[in-house]
PDB file of N, CA and C in Angstrom:
ATOM      1  N   MET A   1     -20.245  -6.773   0.503  1.00  0.00           N
ATOM      2  CA  MET A   1     -19.605  -6.439   1.771  1.00  0.00           C
ATOM      3  C   MET A   1     -20.584  -5.558   2.553  1.00  0.00           C
ATOM      4  N   ASP A   2     -20.970  -6.019   3.736  1.00  0.00           N
ATOM      5  CA  ASP A   2     -21.913  -5.228   4.539  1.00  0.00           C
ATOM      6  C   ASP A   2     -21.176  -4.127   5.313  1.00  0.00           C
ATOM      7  N   ASN A   3     -21.935  -3.306   6.016  1.00  0.00           N
ATOM      8  CA  ASN A   3     -21.356  -2.153   6.718  1.00  0.00           C
ATOM      9  C   ASN A   3     -20.321  -2.557   7.763  1.00  0.00           C
ATOM     10  N   ASP A   4     -20.581  -3.646   8.487  1.00  0.00           N
ATOM     11  CA  ASP A   4     -19.626  -4.105   9.503  1.00  0.00           C
ATOM     12  C   ASP A   4     -18.313  -4.543   8.851  1.00  0.00           C
ATOM     13  N   GLU A   5     -18.416  -5.259   7.741  1.00  0.00           N
ATOM     14  CA  GLU A   5     -17.206  -5.694   7.022  1.00  0.00           C
ATOM     15  C   GLU A   5     -16.441  -4.486   6.472  1.00  0.00           C
ATOM     16  N   GLN A   6     -17.181  -3.522   5.930  1.00  0.00           N
ATOM     17  CA  GLN A   6     -16.526  -2.318   5.430  1.00  0.00           C
ATOM     18  C   GLN A   6     -15.790  -1.593   6.544  1.00  0.00           C
ATOM     19  N   GLN A   7     -16.396  -1.518   7.719  1.00  0.00           N
ATOM     20  CA  GLN A   7     -15.751  -0.842   8.839  1.00  0.00           C
ATOM     21  C   GLN A   7     -14.482  -1.573   9.260  1.00  0.00           C
ATOM     22  N   GLN A   8     -14.528  -2.895   9.262  1.00  0.00           N
ATOM     23  CA  GLN A   8     -13.341  -3.679   9.611  1.00  0.00           C
ATOM     24  C   GLN A   8     -12.213  -3.448   8.606  1.00  0.00           C
ATOM     25  N   VAL A   9     -12.562  -3.440   7.329  1.00  0.00           N
ATOM     26  CA  VAL A   9     -11.573  -3.191   6.285  1.00  0.00           C
ATOM     27  C   VAL A   9     -11.013  -1.780   6.420  1.00  0.00           C
ATOM     28  N   TYR A  10     -11.883  -0.819   6.634  1.00  0.00           N
ATOM     29  CA  TYR A  10     -11.473   0.583   6.785  1.00  0.00           C
ATOM     30  C   TYR A  10     -10.487   0.731   7.945  1.00  0.00           C
ATOM     31  N   ASP A  11     -10.833   0.165   9.088  1.00  0.00           N
ATOM     32  CA  ASP A  11      -9.967   0.253  10.265  1.00  0.00           C
ATOM     33  C   ASP A  11      -8.615  -0.414  10.025  1.00  0.00           C
ATOM     34  N   ALA A  12      -8.635  -1.604   9.425  1.00  0.00           N
ATOM     35  CA  ALA A  12      -7.389  -2.332   9.158  1.00  0.00           C
ATOM     36  C   ALA A  12      -6.526  -1.570   8.150  1.00  0.00           C
ATOM     37  N   PHE A  13      -7.149  -1.004   7.135  1.00  0.00           N
ATOM     38  CA  PHE A  13      -6.427  -0.237   6.116  1.00  0.00           C
ATOM     39  C   PHE A  13      -5.733   0.964   6.747  1.00  0.00           C
ATOM     40  N   TYR A  14      -6.462   1.722   7.540  1.00  0.00           N
ATOM     41  CA  TYR A  14      -5.863   2.916   8.140  1.00  0.00           C
ATOM     42  C   TYR A  14      -4.883   2.577   9.260  1.00  0.00           C
ATOM     43  N   ASP A  15      -4.961   1.370   9.786  1.00  0.00           N
ATOM     44  CA  ASP A  15      -3.985   0.916  10.772  1.00  0.00           C
ATOM     45  C   ASP A  15      -2.668   0.533  10.087  1.00  0.00           C
ATOM     46  N   ARG A  16      -2.764  -0.108   8.944  1.00  0.00           N
ATOM     47  CA  ARG A  16      -1.574  -0.629   8.265  1.00  0.00           C
ATOM     48  C   ARG A  16      -0.937   0.363   7.294  1.00  0.00           C
ATOM     49  N   VAL A  17      -1.740   1.156   6.623  1.00  0.00           N
ATOM     50  CA  VAL A  17      -1.201   2.129   5.670  1.00  0.00           C
ATOM     51  C   VAL A  17      -0.778   3.357   6.472  1.00  0.00           C
ATOM     52  N   ASN A  18       0.517   3.432   6.772  1.00  0.00           N
ATOM     53  CA  ASN A  18       1.003   4.475   7.682  1.00  0.00           C
ATOM     54  C   ASN A  18       1.700   5.632   6.968  1.00  0.00           C
ATOM     55  N   MET A  19       1.603   5.672   5.662  1.00  0.00           N
ATOM     56  CA  MET A  19       2.160   6.799   4.904  1.00  0.00           C
ATOM     57  C   MET A  19       1.025   7.738   4.505  1.00  0.00           C
ATOM     58  N   GLN A  20       1.295   9.024   4.604  1.00  0.00           N
ATOM     59  CA  GLN A  20       0.317  10.029   4.206  1.00  0.00           C
ATOM     60  C   GLN A  20       0.300  10.142   2.678  1.00  0.00           C
ATOM     61  N   PRO A  21      -0.813  10.610   2.110  1.00  0.00           N
ATOM     62  CA  PRO A  21      -0.912  10.666   0.643  1.00  0.00           C
ATOM     63  C   PRO A  21       0.254  11.377  -0.041  1.00  0.00           C
ATOM     64  N   GLN A  22       0.639  12.549   0.435  1.00  0.00           N
ATOM     65  CA  GLN A  22       1.730  13.284  -0.216  1.00  0.00           C
ATOM     66  C   GLN A  22       3.060  12.548  -0.065  1.00  0.00           C
ATOM     67  N   GLU A  23       3.262  11.971   1.100  1.00  0.00           N
ATOM     68  CA  GLU A  23       4.478  11.199   1.357  1.00  0.00           C
ATOM     69  C   GLU A  23       4.565  10.006   0.393  1.00  0.00           C
ATOM     70  N   LEU A  24       3.456   9.306   0.215  1.00  0.00           N
ATOM     71  CA  LEU A  24       3.421   8.161  -0.688  1.00  0.00           C
ATOM     72  C   LEU A  24       3.584   8.622  -2.140  1.00  0.00           C
ATOM     73  N   GLU A  25       2.932   9.691  -2.487  1.00  0.00           N
ATOM     74  CA  GLU A  25       3.045  10.232  -3.838  1.00  0.00           C
ATOM     75  C   GLU A  25       4.502  10.593  -4.154  1.00  0.00           C
ATOM     76  N   ASP A  26       5.167  11.251  -3.208  1.00  0.00           N
ATOM     77  CA  ASP A  26       6.585  11.602  -3.391  1.00  0.00           C
ATOM     78  C   ASP A  26       7.443  10.348  -3.532  1.00  0.00           C
ATOM     79  N   TRP A  27       7.184   9.347  -2.691  1.00  0.00           N
ATOM     80  CA  TRP A  27       7.941   8.094  -2.742  1.00  0.00           C
ATOM     81  C   TRP A  27       7.785   7.422  -4.106  1.00  0.00           C
ATOM     82  N   LEU A  28       6.576   7.415  -4.644  1.00  0.00           N
ATOM     83  CA  LEU A  28       6.314   6.736  -5.915  1.00  0.00           C
ATOM     84  C   LEU A  28       7.067   7.369  -7.093  1.00  0.00           C
ATOM     85  N   GLN A  29       7.564   8.575  -6.912  1.00  0.00           N
ATOM     86  CA  GLN A  29       8.338   9.258  -7.960  1.00  0.00           C
ATOM     87  C   GLN A  29       9.818   8.853  -7.957  1.00  0.00           C
ATOM     88  N   THR A  30      10.250   8.144  -6.922  1.00  0.00           N
ATOM     89  CA  THR A  30      11.670   7.816  -6.791  1.00  0.00           C
ATOM     90  C   THR A  30      12.066   6.602  -7.630  1.00  0.00           C
ATOM     91  N   ASP A  31      13.345   6.540  -7.962  1.00  0.00           N
ATOM     92  CA  ASP A  31      13.871   5.378  -8.679  1.00  0.00           C
ATOM     93  C   ASP A  31      13.774   4.120  -7.817  1.00  0.00           C
ATOM     94  N   ALA A  32      13.969   4.271  -6.509  1.00  0.00           N
ATOM     95  CA  ALA A  32      13.880   3.115  -5.602  1.00  0.00           C
ATOM     96  C   ALA A  32      12.489   2.499  -5.659  1.00  0.00           C
ATOM     97  N   SER A  33      11.477   3.331  -5.677  1.00  0.00           N
ATOM     98  CA  SER A  33      10.108   2.836  -5.753  1.00  0.00           C
ATOM     99  C   SER A  33       9.876   2.064  -7.044  1.00  0.00           C
ATOM    100  N   LYS A  34      10.400   2.581  -8.112  1.00  0.00           N
ATOM    101  CA  LYS A  34      10.186   1.967  -9.433  1.00  0.00           C
ATOM    102  C   LYS A  34      11.056   0.735  -9.656  1.00  0.00           C
ATOM    103  N   SER A  35      12.013   0.497  -8.748  1.00  0.00           N
ATOM    104  CA  SER A  35      12.969  -0.599  -8.934  1.00  0.00           C
ATOM    105  C   SER A  35      12.463  -1.945  -8.427  1.00  0.00           C
ATOM    106  N   VAL A  36      11.331  -1.963  -7.737  1.00  0.00           N
ATOM    107  CA  VAL A  36      10.854  -3.211  -7.136  1.00  0.00           C
ATOM    108  C   VAL A  36       9.475  -3.592  -7.671  1.00  0.00           C
ATOM    109  N   GLY A  37       9.171  -4.871  -7.515  1.00  0.00           N
ATOM    110  CA  GLY A  37       7.837  -5.368  -7.850  1.00  0.00           C
ATOM    111  C   GLY A  37       7.777  -6.041  -9.201  1.00  0.00           C
ATOM    112  N   ASP A  38       6.642  -6.670  -9.414  1.00  0.00           N
ATOM    113  CA  ASP A  38       6.395  -7.363 -10.675  1.00  0.00           C
ATOM    114  C   ASP A  38       5.500  -6.497 -11.550  1.00  0.00           C
ATOM    115  N   SER A  39       5.572  -6.721 -12.829  1.00  0.00           N
ATOM    116  CA  SER A  39       4.672  -6.011 -13.735  1.00  0.00           C
ATOM    117  C   SER A  39       4.239  -6.961 -14.837  1.00  0.00           C
ATOM    118  N   SER A  40       2.968  -6.896 -15.148  1.00  0.00           N
ATOM    119  CA  SER A  40       2.450  -7.777 -16.183  1.00  0.00           C
ATOM    120  C   SER A  40       2.647  -7.191 -17.578  1.00  0.00           C
ATOM    121  N   ASP A  41       2.821  -5.869 -17.654  1.00  0.00           N
ATOM    122  CA  ASP A  41       2.956  -5.225 -18.953  1.00  0.00           C
ATOM    123  C   ASP A  41       4.353  -4.663 -19.207  1.00  0.00           C
ATOM    124  N   GLY A  42       5.275  -4.918 -18.281  1.00  0.00           N
ATOM    125  CA  GLY A  42       6.625  -4.424 -18.439  1.00  0.00           C
ATOM    126  C   GLY A  42       6.781  -2.948 -18.119  1.00  0.00           C
ATOM    127  N   GLU A  43       5.728  -2.303 -17.734  1.00  0.00           N
ATOM    128  CA  GLU A  43       5.770  -0.870 -17.454  1.00  0.00           C
ATOM    129  C   GLU A  43       5.776  -0.600 -15.953  1.00  0.00           C
ATOM    130  N   GLU A  44       4.614  -0.633 -15.338  1.00  0.00           N
ATOM    131  CA  GLU A  44       4.473  -0.283 -13.928  1.00  0.00           C
ATOM    132  C   GLU A  44       4.191  -1.534 -13.109  1.00  0.00           C
ATOM    133  N   SER A  45       4.871  -1.658 -11.965  1.00  0.00           N
ATOM    134  CA  SER A  45       4.657  -2.834 -11.129  1.00  0.00           C
ATOM    135  C   SER A  45       3.278  -2.785 -10.478  1.00  0.00           C
ATOM    136  N   THR A  46       2.815  -3.940 -10.044  1.00  0.00           N
ATOM    137  CA  THR A  46       1.529  -4.047  -9.365  1.00  0.00           C
ATOM    138  C   THR A  46       1.508  -3.176  -8.120  1.00  0.00           C
ATOM    139  N   GLY A  47       2.593  -3.225  -7.331  1.00  0.00           N
ATOM    140  CA  GLY A  47       2.658  -2.430  -6.105  1.00  0.00           C
ATOM    141  C   GLY A  47       2.679  -0.940  -6.370  1.00  0.00           C
ATOM    142  N   HIS A  48       3.364  -0.541  -7.423  1.00  0.00           N
ATOM    143  CA  HIS A  48       3.435   0.878  -7.776  1.00  0.00           C
ATOM    144  C   HIS A  48       2.046   1.388  -8.166  1.00  0.00           C
ATOM    145  N   ALA A  49       1.337   0.620  -8.975  1.00  0.00           N
ATOM    146  CA  ALA A  49      -0.031   0.994  -9.361  1.00  0.00           C
ATOM    147  C   ALA A  49      -0.933   1.028  -8.134  1.00  0.00           C
ATOM    148  N   SER A  50      -0.744   0.076  -7.242  1.00  0.00           N
ATOM    149  CA  SER A  50      -1.528   0.052  -6.009  1.00  0.00           C
ATOM    150  C   SER A  50      -1.269   1.309  -5.190  1.00  0.00           C
ATOM    151  N   GLY A  51      -0.022   1.721  -5.115  1.00  0.00           N
ATOM    152  CA  GLY A  51       0.314   2.936  -4.369  1.00  0.00           C
ATOM    153  C   GLY A  51      -0.419   4.156  -4.896  1.00  0.00           C
ATOM    154  N   ARG A  52      -0.507   4.269  -6.214  1.00  0.00           N
ATOM    155  CA  ARG A  52      -1.236   5.400  -6.792  1.00  0.00           C
ATOM    156  C   ARG A  52      -2.714   5.336  -6.416  1.00  0.00           C
ATOM    157  N   ARG A  53      -3.262   4.132  -6.388  1.00  0.00           N
ATOM    158  CA  ARG A  53      -4.675   3.973  -5.999  1.00  0.00           C
ATOM    159  C   ARG A  53      -4.867   4.272  -4.514  1.00  0.00           C
ATOM    160  N   ILE A  54      -3.923   3.889  -3.685  1.00  0.00           N
ATOM    161  CA  ILE A  54      -3.986   4.172  -2.248  1.00  0.00           C
ATOM    162  C   ILE A  54      -4.034   5.679  -2.016  1.00  0.00           C
ATOM    163  N   VAL A  55      -3.236   6.430  -2.759  1.00  0.00           N
ATOM    164  CA  VAL A  55      -3.255   7.893  -2.633  1.00  0.00           C
ATOM    165  C   VAL A  55      -4.660   8.414  -2.895  1.00  0.00           C
ATOM    166  N   LYS A  56      -5.292   7.934  -3.954  1.00  0.00           N
ATOM    167  CA  LYS A  56      -6.654   8.379  -4.291  1.00  0.00           C
ATOM    168  C   LYS A  56      -7.640   8.007  -3.186  1.00  0.00           C
ATOM    169  N   ILE A  57      -7.531   6.792  -2.670  1.00  0.00           N
ATOM    170  CA  ILE A  57      -8.434   6.334  -1.610  1.00  0.00           C
ATOM    171  C   ILE A  57      -8.273   7.197  -0.362  1.00  0.00           C
ATOM    172  N   LYS A  58      -7.034   7.444   0.016  1.00  0.00           N
ATOM    173  CA  LYS A  58      -6.791   8.222   1.243  1.00  0.00           C
ATOM    174  C   LYS A  58      -7.230   9.680   1.117  1.00  0.00           C
ATOM    175  N   ARG A  59      -7.371  10.148  -0.091  1.00  0.00           N
ATOM    176  CA  ARG A  59      -7.820  11.532  -0.289  1.00  0.00           C
ATOM    177  C   ARG A  59      -9.342  11.647  -0.370  1.00  0.00           C
ATOM    178  N   LYS A  60     -10.029  10.526  -0.318  1.00  0.00           N
ATOM    179  CA  LYS A  60     -11.495  10.533  -0.339  1.00  0.00           C
ATOM    180  C   LYS A  60     -12.047  10.624   1.080  1.00  0.00           C
ATOM    181  N   ASN A  61     -13.238  11.169   1.191  1.00  0.00           N
ATOM    182  CA  ASN A  61     -13.984  11.071   2.439  1.00  0.00           C
ATOM    183  C   ASN A  61     -14.525   9.648   2.531  1.00  0.00           C
ATOM    184  N   LYS A  62     -14.718   9.168   3.719  1.00  0.00           N
ATOM    185  CA  LYS A  62     -15.204   7.803   3.912  1.00  0.00           C
ATOM    186  C   LYS A  62     -16.508   7.568   3.145  1.00  0.00           C
ATOM    187  N   SER A  63     -17.388   8.551   3.127  1.00  0.00           N
ATOM    188  CA  SER A  63     -18.682   8.412   2.451  1.00  0.00           C
ATOM    189  C   SER A  63     -18.538   8.285   0.932  1.00  0.00           C
ATOM    190  N   GLU A  64     -17.384   8.632   0.390  1.00  0.00           N
ATOM    191  CA  GLU A  64     -17.145   8.558  -1.054  1.00  0.00           C
ATOM    192  C   GLU A  64     -16.550   7.224  -1.495  1.00  0.00           C
ATOM    193  N   LEU A  65     -16.178   6.380  -0.551  1.00  0.00           N
ATOM    194  CA  LEU A  65     -15.545   5.102  -0.898  1.00  0.00           C
ATOM    195  C   LEU A  65     -16.542   4.170  -1.568  1.00  0.00           C
ATOM    196  N   THR A  66     -16.079   3.513  -2.627  1.00  0.00           N
ATOM    197  CA  THR A  66     -16.915   2.586  -3.385  1.00  0.00           C
ATOM    198  C   THR A  66     -16.619   1.135  -2.964  1.00  0.00           C
ATOM    199  N   THR A  67     -17.426   0.234  -3.460  1.00  0.00           N
ATOM    200  CA  THR A  67     -17.181  -1.192  -3.223  1.00  0.00           C
ATOM    201  C   THR A  67     -15.810  -1.579  -3.761  1.00  0.00           C
ATOM    202  N   ASP A  68     -15.461  -1.071  -4.931  1.00  0.00           N
ATOM    203  CA  ASP A  68     -14.133  -1.353  -5.504  1.00  0.00           C
ATOM    204  C   ASP A  68     -13.015  -0.824  -4.605  1.00  0.00           C
ATOM    205  N   ASP A  69     -13.233   0.349  -4.005  1.00  0.00           N
ATOM    206  CA  ASP A  69     -12.243   0.897  -3.080  1.00  0.00           C
ATOM    207  C   ASP A  69     -12.052  -0.039  -1.891  1.00  0.00           C
ATOM    208  N   TYR A  70     -13.155  -0.497  -1.312  1.00  0.00           N
ATOM    209  CA  TYR A  70     -13.052  -1.400  -0.165  1.00  0.00           C
ATOM    210  C   TYR A  70     -12.363  -2.708  -0.548  1.00  0.00           C
ATOM    211  N   GLU A  71     -12.630  -3.198  -1.744  1.00  0.00           N
ATOM    212  CA  GLU A  71     -11.964  -4.425  -2.189  1.00  0.00           C
ATOM    213  C   GLU A  71     -10.461  -4.197  -2.333  1.00  0.00           C
ATOM    214  N   HIS A  72     -10.084  -3.052  -2.866  1.00  0.00           N
ATOM    215  CA  HIS A  72      -8.652  -2.764  -2.981  1.00  0.00           C
ATOM    216  C   HIS A  72      -8.027  -2.565  -1.596  1.00  0.00           C
ATOM    217  N   MET A  73      -8.741  -1.905  -0.717  1.00  0.00           N
ATOM    218  CA  MET A  73      -8.242  -1.703   0.648  1.00  0.00           C
ATOM    219  C   MET A  73      -7.978  -3.051   1.314  1.00  0.00           C
ATOM    220  N   GLN A  74      -8.871  -4.030   1.105  1.00  0.00           N
ATOM    221  CA  GLN A  74      -8.667  -5.366   1.675  1.00  0.00           C
ATOM    222  C   GLN A  74      -7.439  -6.027   1.069  1.00  0.00           C
ATOM    223  N   LYS A  75      -7.255  -5.855  -0.238  1.00  0.00           N
ATOM    224  CA  LYS A  75      -6.073  -6.404  -0.913  1.00  0.00           C
ATOM    225  C   LYS A  75      -4.800  -5.806  -0.317  1.00  0.00           C
ATOM    226  N   VAL A  76      -4.812  -4.507  -0.063  1.00  0.00           N
ATOM    227  CA  VAL A  76      -3.659  -3.816   0.523  1.00  0.00           C
ATOM    228  C   VAL A  76      -3.363  -4.361   1.917  1.00  0.00           C
ATOM    229  N   VAL A  77      -4.392  -4.494   2.732  1.00  0.00           N
ATOM    230  CA  VAL A  77      -4.233  -5.023   4.092  1.00  0.00           C
ATOM    231  C   VAL A  77      -3.620  -6.425   4.037  1.00  0.00           C
ATOM    232  N   ASN A  78      -4.139  -7.262   3.167  1.00  0.00           N
ATOM    233  CA  ASN A  78      -3.627  -8.636   3.049  1.00  0.00           C
ATOM    234  C   ASN A  78      -2.171  -8.653   2.588  1.00  0.00           C
ATOM    235  N   TYR A  79      -1.839  -7.811   1.613  1.00  0.00           N
ATOM    236  CA  TYR A  79      -0.471  -7.764   1.113  1.00  0.00           C
ATOM    237  C   TYR A  79       0.492  -7.333   2.217  1.00  0.00           C
ATOM    238  N   ILE A  80       0.152  -6.266   2.899  1.00  0.00           N
ATOM    239  CA  ILE A  80       1.044  -5.754   3.948  1.00  0.00           C
ATOM    240  C   ILE A  80       1.240  -6.794   5.038  1.00  0.00           C
ATOM    241  N   LYS A  81       0.167  -7.425   5.463  1.00  0.00           N
ATOM    242  CA  LYS A  81       0.258  -8.449   6.511  1.00  0.00           C
ATOM    243  C   LYS A  81       1.173  -9.593   6.063  1.00  0.00           C
ATOM    244  N   ARG A  82       0.969 -10.071   4.855  1.00  0.00           N
ATOM    245  CA  ARG A  82       1.766 -11.176   4.324  1.00  0.00           C
ATOM    246  C   ARG A  82       3.239 -10.770   4.176  1.00  0.00           C
ATOM    247  N   HIS A  83       3.469  -9.589   3.641  1.00  0.00           N
ATOM    248  CA  HIS A  83       4.836  -9.138   3.377  1.00  0.00           C
ATOM    249  C   HIS A  83       5.598  -8.848   4.674  1.00  0.00           C
ATOM    250  N   LEU A  84       4.912  -8.325   5.684  1.00  0.00           N
ATOM    251  CA  LEU A  84       5.574  -8.068   6.969  1.00  0.00           C
ATOM    252  C   LEU A  84       6.117  -9.348   7.589  1.00  0.00           C
ATOM    253  N   SER A  85       5.432 -10.452   7.358  1.00  0.00           N
ATOM    254  CA  SER A  85       5.879 -11.729   7.931  1.00  0.00           C
ATOM    255  C   SER A  85       7.133 -12.257   7.236  1.00  0.00           C
ATOM    256  N   GLN A  86       7.533 -11.641   6.131  1.00  0.00           N
ATOM    257  CA  GLN A  86       8.705 -12.087   5.372  1.00  0.00           C
ATOM    258  C   GLN A  86       9.913 -11.173   5.594  1.00  0.00           C
ATOM    259  N   ARG A  87       9.920 -10.451   6.700  1.00  0.00           N
ATOM    260  CA  ARG A  87      11.004  -9.498   6.981  1.00  0.00           C
ATOM    261  C   ARG A  87      12.363 -10.190   6.922  1.00  0.00           C
ATOM    262  N   PRO A  88      13.286  -9.632   6.157  1.00  0.00           N
ATOM    263  CA  PRO A  88      14.620 -10.235   6.072  1.00  0.00           C
ATOM    264  C   PRO A  88      15.443  -9.906   7.321  1.00  0.00           C
ATOM    265  N   ASP A  89      16.485 -10.671   7.513  1.00  0.00           N
ATOM    266  CA  ASP A  89      17.416 -10.396   8.613  1.00  0.00           C
ATOM    267  C   ASP A  89      18.242  -9.165   8.266  1.00  0.00           C
ATOM    268  N   GLY A  90      18.712  -8.500   9.303  1.00  0.00           N
ATOM    269  CA  GLY A  90      19.625  -7.383   9.104  1.00  0.00           C
ATOM    270  C   GLY A  90      18.915  -6.061   8.891  1.00  0.00           C
ATOM    271  N   GLU A  91      19.695  -5.109   8.443  1.00  0.00           N
ATOM    272  CA  GLU A  91      19.220  -3.746   8.206  1.00  0.00           C
ATOM    273  C   GLU A  91      18.256  -3.728   7.018  1.00  0.00           C
ATOM    274  N   VAL A  92      17.128  -3.055   7.175  1.00  0.00           N
ATOM    275  CA  VAL A  92      16.128  -3.032   6.106  1.00  0.00           C
ATOM    276  C   VAL A  92      15.893  -1.647   5.513  1.00  0.00           C
ATOM    277  N   LYS A  93      16.663  -0.667   5.978  1.00  0.00           N
ATOM    278  CA  LYS A  93      16.411   0.709   5.533  1.00  0.00           C
ATOM    279  C   LYS A  93      16.450   0.847   4.013  1.00  0.00           C
ATOM    280  N   ASP A  94      17.437   0.262   3.382  1.00  0.00           N
ATOM    281  CA  ASP A  94      17.605   0.393   1.938  1.00  0.00           C
ATOM    282  C   ASP A  94      17.552  -0.970   1.258  1.00  0.00           C
ATOM    283  N   CYS A  95      16.425  -1.643   1.398  1.00  0.00           N
ATOM    284  CA  CYS A  95      16.313  -2.959   0.778  1.00  0.00           C
ATOM    285  C   CYS A  95      14.998  -3.094   0.012  1.00  0.00           C
ATOM    286  N   PRO A  96      14.964  -3.979  -0.962  1.00  0.00           N
ATOM    287  CA  PRO A  96      13.754  -4.158  -1.770  1.00  0.00           C
ATOM    288  C   PRO A  96      12.512  -4.508  -0.938  1.00  0.00           C
ATOM    289  N   TRP A  97      12.687  -5.251   0.141  1.00  0.00           N
ATOM    290  CA  TRP A  97      11.547  -5.616   1.002  1.00  0.00           C
ATOM    291  C   TRP A  97      10.834  -4.355   1.500  1.00  0.00           C
ATOM    292  N   ARG A  98      11.599  -3.413   2.033  1.00  0.00           N
ATOM    293  CA  ARG A  98      11.007  -2.165   2.523  1.00  0.00           C
ATOM    294  C   ARG A  98      10.422  -1.356   1.366  1.00  0.00           C
ATOM    295  N   TYR A  99      11.139  -1.265   0.270  1.00  0.00           N
ATOM    296  CA  TYR A  99      10.662  -0.486  -0.865  1.00  0.00           C
ATOM    297  C   TYR A  99       9.317  -1.011  -1.366  1.00  0.00           C
ATOM    298  N   SER A 100       9.196  -2.325  -1.413  1.00  0.00           N
ATOM    299  CA  SER A 100       7.944  -2.930  -1.861  1.00  0.00           C
ATOM    300  C   SER A 100       6.793  -2.579  -0.908  1.00  0.00           C
ATOM    301  N   LEU A 101       7.046  -2.691   0.380  1.00  0.00           N
ATOM    302  CA  LEU A 101       6.014  -2.317   1.356  1.00  0.00           C
ATOM    303  C   LEU A 101       5.635  -0.846   1.230  1.00  0.00           C
ATOM    304  N   MET A 102       6.615  -0.008   0.998  1.00  0.00           N
ATOM    305  CA  MET A 102       6.322   1.419   0.858  1.00  0.00           C
ATOM    306  C   MET A 102       5.471   1.701  -0.374  1.00  0.00           C
ATOM    307  N   ASN A 103       5.660   0.933  -1.447  1.00  0.00           N
ATOM    308  CA  ASN A 103       4.802   1.092  -2.613  1.00  0.00           C
ATOM    309  C   ASN A 103       3.342   0.805  -2.263  1.00  0.00           C
ATOM    310  N   TRP A 104       3.133  -0.031  -1.258  1.00  0.00           N
ATOM    311  CA  TRP A 104       1.791  -0.381  -0.797  1.00  0.00           C
ATOM    312  C   TRP A 104       1.350   0.484   0.384  1.00  0.00           C
ATOM    313  N   GLY A 105       2.109   1.545   0.662  1.00  0.00           N
ATOM    314  CA  GLY A 105       1.694   2.536   1.663  1.00  0.00           C
ATOM    315  C   GLY A 105       2.133   2.279   3.085  1.00  0.00           C
ATOM    316  N   HIS A 106       3.007   1.298   3.289  1.00  0.00           N
ATOM    317  CA  HIS A 106       3.454   0.977   4.647  1.00  0.00           C
ATOM    318  C   HIS A 106       4.979   1.118   4.748  1.00  0.00           C
ATOM    319  N   ASP A 107       5.431   2.008   5.612  1.00  0.00           N
ATOM    320  CA  ASP A 107       6.867   2.121   5.877  1.00  0.00           C
ATOM    321  C   ASP A 107       7.146   1.380   7.180  1.00  0.00           C
ATOM    322  N   PRO A 108       7.838   0.241   7.118  1.00  0.00           N
ATOM    323  CA  PRO A 108       8.082  -0.562   8.309  1.00  0.00           C
ATOM    324  C   PRO A 108       9.017   0.107   9.320  1.00  0.00           C
ATOM    325  N   LEU A 109       9.659   1.208   8.944  1.00  0.00           N
ATOM    326  CA  LEU A 109      10.543   1.907   9.867  1.00  0.00           C
ATOM    327  C   LEU A 109       9.800   2.958  10.686  1.00  0.00           C
ATOM    328  N   LYS A 110       8.537   3.111  10.442  1.00  0.00           N
ATOM    329  CA  LYS A 110       7.733   4.079  11.221  1.00  0.00           C
ATOM    330  C   LYS A 110       7.215   3.430  12.479  1.00  0.00           C
TER     331      LYS A 110
END
């Protein structure tokens, strides 16, 4: 990934991930957060693990970001974009769709 691609990923990530690190960290401690998503090991869902990684990424200075960080940031951007297009009808405040997005750092009610 060259510098221009990294900048595009960085901009898209910070545009879509609208939860602050502490806010996301607090959310990940809730039962609602733990109630959604898939897990390959029966323990922690993919989205929940991603949320913990997002917290670490957001707490880094841009100069500290690694290639792996940028790859995860792109994965997050793609997930949020795809999931937003699947918005259910009706109220979404307390629904699995919103909870899943929040695990990935995006609160659609913001």
